[in-house]
Amino acid sequence: MPVKVYQPTSAGRRNSSVLDFSHLTKGKRREKALSERIADRAGRDALGHITSRFRGGGSRRMYRKVDFLRDKDGVPAVVAAIEYDPNRSADLALLHYADGEKRYILAPKGLVVGMKVVSGDRCDPDLGNCMRLDAIPLGLQVHNVEMQPGRGGQIARSAGNSCQLMARDGEYAVVVMPSGEMRKVHSSCRATLGEIGNADWQNIRWGKAGRVRHMGRRPHNRGTAQNPVSHPMGGGEGRTGGGRHPCSPSGKLSKGGKTRRGKARSNQFILRRRPPGAHVAVGSGS
């Protein structure tokens, strides 16, 4: 799925690129029975309060019902199509099960039309198969990993992401997250073999602000440009540097600040924290 670069016929085209979608099934439309329209909440909760800033607008999109559970055990399925999903960076694979049912799953890298996949507690460790962590050979790459048995995959679901199954410790399996964090997950949790495809998505250059607006992202206003009542870094005569470390409107530090609760029950499952960002490494050495 190479990235296509256009001729610089305009200022927006000069620095933009797109995927050529050559890996998708030609002429395949979305499955209507597996699609539904969802309302655009524009970053607001049930009370109308903005909980996620700078969201709203964008193109209308139909939501595809993705099977994150993979709970149709023992029934083989054939990959009928690889489709585009406007709601996520990963592509979708349309499965036709032997009993006539159709479902969408996240398309792993290397999965093509005509391949067969199956799910179950214990099955062959082939690409696209979903099985328990205690049945997956060590060292393999997995995605759509459950954090709690039967809840559905929650880890490694975006384009190009995967986890690596490293070891087993009693009733828990040790996996390395995409962030570098090493974590224990219950061995009865399920995961899908392989790495999520469409990794070239991260190489796209949007080129102009309009393409980002089409995705439902509104302009991001700097805190230093706001009023003091709107942001802790706002106010002052003329342009200022903020007068403090960068933070959110609620005052939480945005560079290296701790946001995780110290007494979180899941702390016992984290064996190694993710490595700090570049800004922390540079600051500590200077």
Protein backbone atom coordinates (compact mmCIF):
# COMPACT_ATOMS: atom_id res chain seq x y z
CA MET A 1 0.00 0.00 0.00
CA PRO A 2 2.43 2.70 -1.16
CA VAL A 3 1.95 6.37 -0.39
CA LYS A 4 0.98 8.45 -3.40
CA VAL A 5 2.38 11.98 -3.84
CA TYR A 6 0.66 14.37 -6.24
CA GLN A 7 2.17 17.07 -8.40
CA PRO A 8 2.30 20.46 -6.60
CA THR A 9 -0.62 21.99 -8.45
CA SER A 10 -1.57 24.05 -5.37
CA ALA A 11 -0.19 24.97 -1.98
CA GLY A 12 -2.15 22.19 -0.31
CA ARG A 13 -1.09 19.55 -2.82
CA ARG A 14 2.57 20.51 -2.56
CA ASN A 15 3.04 19.02 0.90
CA SER A 16 0.31 16.37 0.96
CA SER A 17 0.19 12.66 0.26
CA VAL A 18 -2.43 9.91 0.32
CA LEU A 19 -2.61 6.13 0.33
CA ASP A 20 -3.31 4.62 -3.07
CA PHE A 21 -5.62 1.96 -1.52
CA SER A 22 -4.27 -0.69 -3.88
CA HIS A 23 -4.52 -3.25 -1.08
CA LEU A 24 -8.30 -2.90 -0.78
CA THR A 25 -10.82 -5.05 -2.61
CA LYS A 26 -11.87 -3.29 -5.81
CA GLY A 27 -15.51 -2.26 -6.12
CA LYS A 28 -16.53 -3.57 -2.70
CA ARG A 29 -19.02 -1.38 -0.85
CA ARG A 30 -19.62 -1.53 2.88
CA GLU A 31 -21.84 -4.28 4.26
CA LYS A 32 -25.12 -2.50 5.05
CA ALA A 33 -26.19 -5.03 7.67
CA LEU A 34 -22.97 -4.35 9.59
CA SER A 35 -23.18 -0.55 9.37
CA GLU A 36 -25.09 2.07 11.30
CA ARG A 37 -25.15 5.84 11.53
CA ILE A 38 -24.03 7.37 14.80
CA ALA A 39 -24.61 10.95 15.92
CA ASP A 40 -21.70 13.37 16.06
CA ARG A 41 -21.36 14.43 19.68
CA ALA A 42 -18.65 17.03 18.92
CA GLY A 43 -16.69 16.12 22.05
CA ARG A 44 -19.64 16.56 24.42
CA ASP A 45 -21.00 14.23 27.07
CA ALA A 46 -24.64 13.40 27.85
CA LEU A 47 -25.07 16.73 29.65
CA GLY A 48 -23.73 18.78 26.76
CA HIS A 49 -20.44 19.62 28.47
CA ILE A 50 -17.28 19.61 26.35
CA THR A 51 -15.11 16.77 27.63
CA SER A 52 -12.85 16.48 24.57
CA ARG A 53 -11.76 19.81 23.17
CA PHE A 54 -11.35 20.79 19.52
CA ARG A 55 -13.74 18.19 18.11
CA GLY A 56 -16.70 18.68 15.78
CA GLY A 57 -17.74 18.96 12.17
CA GLY A 58 -16.09 16.74 9.60
CA SER A 59 -17.47 14.37 7.02
CA ARG A 60 -20.42 12.15 7.84
CA ARG A 61 -19.36 8.58 8.41
CA MET A 62 -21.12 5.26 8.77
CA TYR A 63 -19.91 3.19 11.69
CA ARG A 64 -18.88 -0.39 10.95
CA LYS A 65 -19.71 -2.96 13.63
CA VAL A 66 -16.36 -4.62 14.28
CA ASP A 67 -16.18 -7.98 16.04
CA PHE A 68 -13.66 -7.39 18.82
CA LEU A 69 -14.88 -10.41 20.80
CA ARG A 70 -14.19 -13.08 18.14
CA ASP A 71 -16.52 -15.39 20.05
CA LYS A 72 -17.73 -17.51 17.12
CA ASP A 73 -15.70 -20.55 18.10
CA GLY A 74 -15.01 -23.54 15.89
CA VAL A 75 -16.70 -22.10 12.79
CA PRO A 76 -14.24 -21.44 9.94
CA ALA A 77 -14.55 -18.24 7.96
CA VAL A 78 -13.25 -17.08 4.60
CA VAL A 79 -11.93 -13.56 4.02
CA ALA A 80 -14.29 -12.10 1.43
CA ALA A 81 -12.92 -8.54 1.20
CA ILE A 82 -10.48 -6.05 2.67
CA GLU A 83 -12.30 -2.74 3.16
CA TYR A 84 -11.59 0.82 4.19
CA ASP A 85 -12.91 2.07 7.52
CA PRO A 86 -13.40 5.85 7.89
CA ASN A 87 -13.61 5.56 11.69
CA ARG A 88 -10.15 4.10 12.37
CA SER A 89 -6.67 3.90 10.92
CA ALA A 90 -6.77 0.13 10.45
CA ASP A 91 -8.50 -1.65 7.58
CA LEU A 92 -11.30 -4.16 8.02
CA ALA A 93 -11.62 -7.72 6.78
CA LEU A 94 -15.08 -9.02 5.92
CA LEU A 95 -15.52 -12.64 7.01
CA HIS A 96 -18.03 -15.06 5.56
CA TYR A 97 -18.59 -17.87 8.07
CA ALA A 98 -19.54 -21.38 7.06
CA ASP A 99 -23.00 -20.98 8.59
CA GLY A 100 -23.73 -17.88 6.48
CA GLU A 101 -23.03 -15.16 9.06
CA LYS A 102 -20.89 -12.15 8.14
CA ARG A 103 -18.64 -10.15 10.47
CA TYR A 104 -16.00 -7.46 10.32
CA ILE A 105 -12.62 -7.89 12.03
CA LEU A 106 -9.46 -5.81 12.08
CA ALA A 107 -7.34 -6.76 9.08
CA PRO A 108 -3.85 -7.96 10.09
CA LYS A 109 -0.82 -7.49 7.88
CA GLY A 110 -0.62 -10.18 5.20
CA LEU A 111 -4.27 -11.21 5.32
CA VAL A 112 -5.66 -11.45 1.78
CA VAL A 113 -8.95 -12.42 0.17
CA GLY A 114 -9.52 -16.16 0.17
CA MET A 115 -7.63 -16.99 3.34
CA LYS A 116 -9.36 -18.94 6.11
CA VAL A 117 -9.44 -17.90 9.76
CA VAL A 118 -10.97 -19.44 12.86
CA SER A 119 -11.36 -18.57 16.51
CA GLY A 120 -11.41 -20.73 19.61
CA ASP A 121 -9.70 -21.42 22.90
CA ARG A 122 -7.13 -23.58 21.15
CA CYS A 123 -6.54 -23.64 17.40
CA ASP A 124 -3.64 -23.46 14.98
CA PRO A 125 -1.43 -20.36 15.51
CA ASP A 126 -2.00 -19.03 12.00
CA LEU A 127 -2.39 -15.44 10.84
CA GLY A 128 -5.79 -13.99 11.75
CA ASN A 129 -6.78 -16.78 14.13
CA CYS A 130 -8.03 -15.76 17.58
CA MET A 131 -7.11 -17.88 20.60
CA ARG A 132 -6.23 -17.76 24.28
CA LEU A 133 -2.87 -16.41 25.36
CA ASP A 134 -1.96 -19.67 27.07
CA ALA A 135 -2.20 -21.47 23.70
CA ILE A 136 -0.17 -18.98 21.64
CA PRO A 137 3.53 -19.82 21.18
CA LEU A 138 5.92 -17.42 22.89
CA GLY A 139 7.54 -14.69 20.83
CA LEU A 140 4.70 -14.20 18.35
CA GLN A 141 3.13 -10.85 17.53
CA VAL A 142 -0.53 -10.46 18.51
CA HIS A 143 -3.12 -7.70 18.35
CA ASN A 144 -6.66 -7.03 19.61
CA VAL A 145 -5.63 -8.31 23.04
CA GLU A 146 -8.20 -8.57 25.82
CA MET A 147 -7.50 -7.03 29.21
CA GLN A 148 -10.29 -9.00 30.89
CA PRO A 149 -11.56 -12.40 29.71
CA GLY A 150 -14.67 -12.10 27.57
CA ARG A 151 -14.63 -8.30 27.36
CA GLY A 152 -13.23 -8.05 23.84
CA GLY A 153 -9.94 -6.80 22.50
CA GLN A 154 -8.75 -3.44 23.83
CA ILE A 155 -4.98 -3.40 23.22
CA ALA A 156 -3.16 -2.90 19.89
CA ARG A 157 -6.05 -2.05 17.58
CA SER A 158 -4.65 0.81 15.45
CA ALA A 159 -2.72 0.58 12.18
CA GLY A 160 0.74 -0.96 12.45
CA ASN A 161 0.43 -1.87 16.15
CA SER A 162 1.03 -5.20 17.82
CA CYS A 163 2.04 -6.75 21.14
CA GLN A 164 4.66 -9.44 21.67
CA LEU A 165 3.98 -12.41 23.88
CA MET A 166 7.16 -12.75 25.96
CA ALA A 167 6.59 -15.25 28.78
CA ARG A 168 4.10 -16.95 31.10
CA ASP A 169 4.04 -16.58 34.86
CA GLY A 170 1.53 -18.87 36.52
CA GLU A 171 -1.96 -17.95 35.35
CA TYR A 172 -0.72 -14.77 33.70
CA ALA A 173 1.02 -14.06 30.40
CA VAL A 174 3.62 -11.32 29.98
CA VAL A 175 3.16 -9.12 26.91
CA VAL A 176 5.09 -6.09 25.69
CA MET A 177 2.72 -3.28 24.75
CA PRO A 178 3.18 -1.06 21.66
CA SER A 179 4.37 1.72 24.01
CA GLY A 180 7.16 -0.48 25.40
CA GLU A 181 5.37 -1.20 28.67
CA MET A 182 5.65 -4.78 29.92
CA ARG A 183 2.42 -5.99 31.46
CA LYS A 184 0.84 -9.14 32.84
CA VAL A 185 -2.46 -10.24 31.26
CA HIS A 186 -4.55 -13.20 32.36
CA SER A 187 -3.80 -16.26 30.25
CA SER A 188 -7.49 -16.87 29.55
CA CYS A 189 -7.70 -13.59 27.64
CA ARG A 190 -7.80 -13.87 23.89
CA ALA A 191 -5.69 -12.26 21.20
CA THR A 192 -5.47 -12.38 17.42
CA LEU A 193 -2.32 -13.57 15.69
CA GLY A 194 -0.39 -11.09 13.59
CA GLU A 195 0.24 -7.36 13.34
CA ILE A 196 -2.38 -4.81 12.33
CA GLY A 197 -1.96 -3.84 8.68
CA ASN A 198 -2.01 -0.45 6.93
CA ALA A 199 1.20 0.63 8.68
CA ASP A 200 1.84 3.27 6.00
CA TRP A 201 -1.01 5.31 7.43
CA GLN A 202 1.46 7.05 9.74
CA ASN A 203 3.48 8.27 6.73
CA ILE A 204 0.64 10.37 5.31
CA ARG A 205 1.24 14.12 5.13
CA TRP A 206 -2.06 15.96 5.46
CA GLY A 207 -0.76 19.01 3.61
CA LYS A 208 -3.49 21.46 4.58
CA ALA A 209 -5.78 22.22 7.48
CA GLY A 210 -8.89 21.32 5.50
CA ARG A 211 -8.07 17.61 5.43
CA VAL A 212 -7.79 17.59 9.21
CA ARG A 213 -11.13 19.42 9.49
CA HIS A 214 -12.68 16.64 7.39
CA MET A 215 -11.69 14.21 10.14
CA GLY A 216 -13.64 16.23 12.71
CA ARG A 217 -10.74 18.05 14.32
CA ARG A 218 -11.18 21.75 14.90
CA PRO A 219 -8.34 24.27 15.29
CA HIS A 220 -6.29 23.87 18.45
CA ASN A 221 -6.03 27.16 20.33
CA ARG A 222 -2.86 27.72 22.35
CA GLY A 223 -3.24 28.24 26.07
CA THR A 224 -1.03 31.35 26.04
CA ALA A 225 -3.40 32.96 23.53
CA GLN A 226 -6.44 32.55 25.80
CA ASN A 227 -7.77 34.62 28.66
CA PRO A 228 -6.70 33.92 32.26
CA VAL A 229 -10.20 32.68 33.09
CA SER A 230 -10.01 30.13 30.27
CA HIS A 231 -6.52 28.70 30.77
CA PRO A 232 -3.82 28.79 33.49
CA MET A 233 -1.25 29.93 30.91
CA GLY A 234 -3.42 32.72 29.51
CA GLY A 235 -3.31 36.47 29.98
CA GLY A 236 -0.44 38.90 30.09
CA GLU A 237 0.46 41.93 28.03
CA GLY A 238 1.56 40.95 24.55
CA ARG A 239 2.89 37.54 23.65
CA THR A 240 4.16 35.61 26.66
CA GLY A 241 5.82 32.27 27.24
CA GLY A 242 3.14 31.17 29.66
CA GLY A 243 5.03 31.79 32.86
CA ARG A 244 4.87 28.14 33.97
CA HIS A 245 5.33 24.61 32.71
CA PRO A 246 2.90 23.63 29.93
CA CYS A 247 -0.35 22.30 31.33
CA SER A 248 -3.96 21.56 30.50
CA PRO A 249 -6.89 23.91 31.24
CA SER A 250 -7.36 22.05 34.52
CA GLY A 251 -3.72 22.59 35.50
CA LYS A 252 -2.35 19.08 34.88
CA LEU A 253 1.19 19.04 33.49
CA SER A 254 1.37 18.09 29.84
CA LYS A 255 5.08 17.17 29.69
CA GLY A 256 6.17 14.47 32.08
CA GLY A 257 3.37 15.03 34.59
CA LYS A 258 1.97 11.98 36.36
CA THR A 259 -1.69 11.33 35.57
CA ARG A 260 -2.00 7.75 36.81
CA ARG A 261 -3.45 7.09 40.27
CA GLY A 262 -0.82 5.81 42.65
CA LYS A 263 -3.15 3.26 44.21
CA ALA A 264 -4.60 1.86 40.98
CA ARG A 265 -5.32 -1.85 41.30
CA SER A 266 -3.78 -2.55 37.92
CA ASN A 267 -0.35 -1.34 39.10
CA GLN A 268 0.39 -4.87 40.23
CA PHE A 269 0.18 -6.09 36.62
CA ILE A 270 2.72 -3.59 35.24
CA LEU A 271 6.20 -5.11 35.31
CA ARG A 272 7.98 -2.33 33.41
CA ARG A 273 6.78 1.17 32.69
CA ARG A 274 6.90 2.59 29.20
CA PRO A 275 10.05 4.61 28.45
CA PRO A 276 9.73 8.38 28.91
CA GLY A 277 9.44 10.72 25.96
CA ALA A 278 12.26 12.63 24.32
CA HIS A 279 11.49 15.78 26.30
CA VAL A 280 12.13 13.95 29.59
CA ALA A 281 15.37 12.39 28.37
CA VAL A 282 16.71 15.74 27.15
CA GLY A 283 15.69 17.54 30.32
CA SER A 284 17.34 15.02 32.61
CA GLY A 285 20.69 15.20 30.84
CA SER A 286 20.99 18.96 30.71
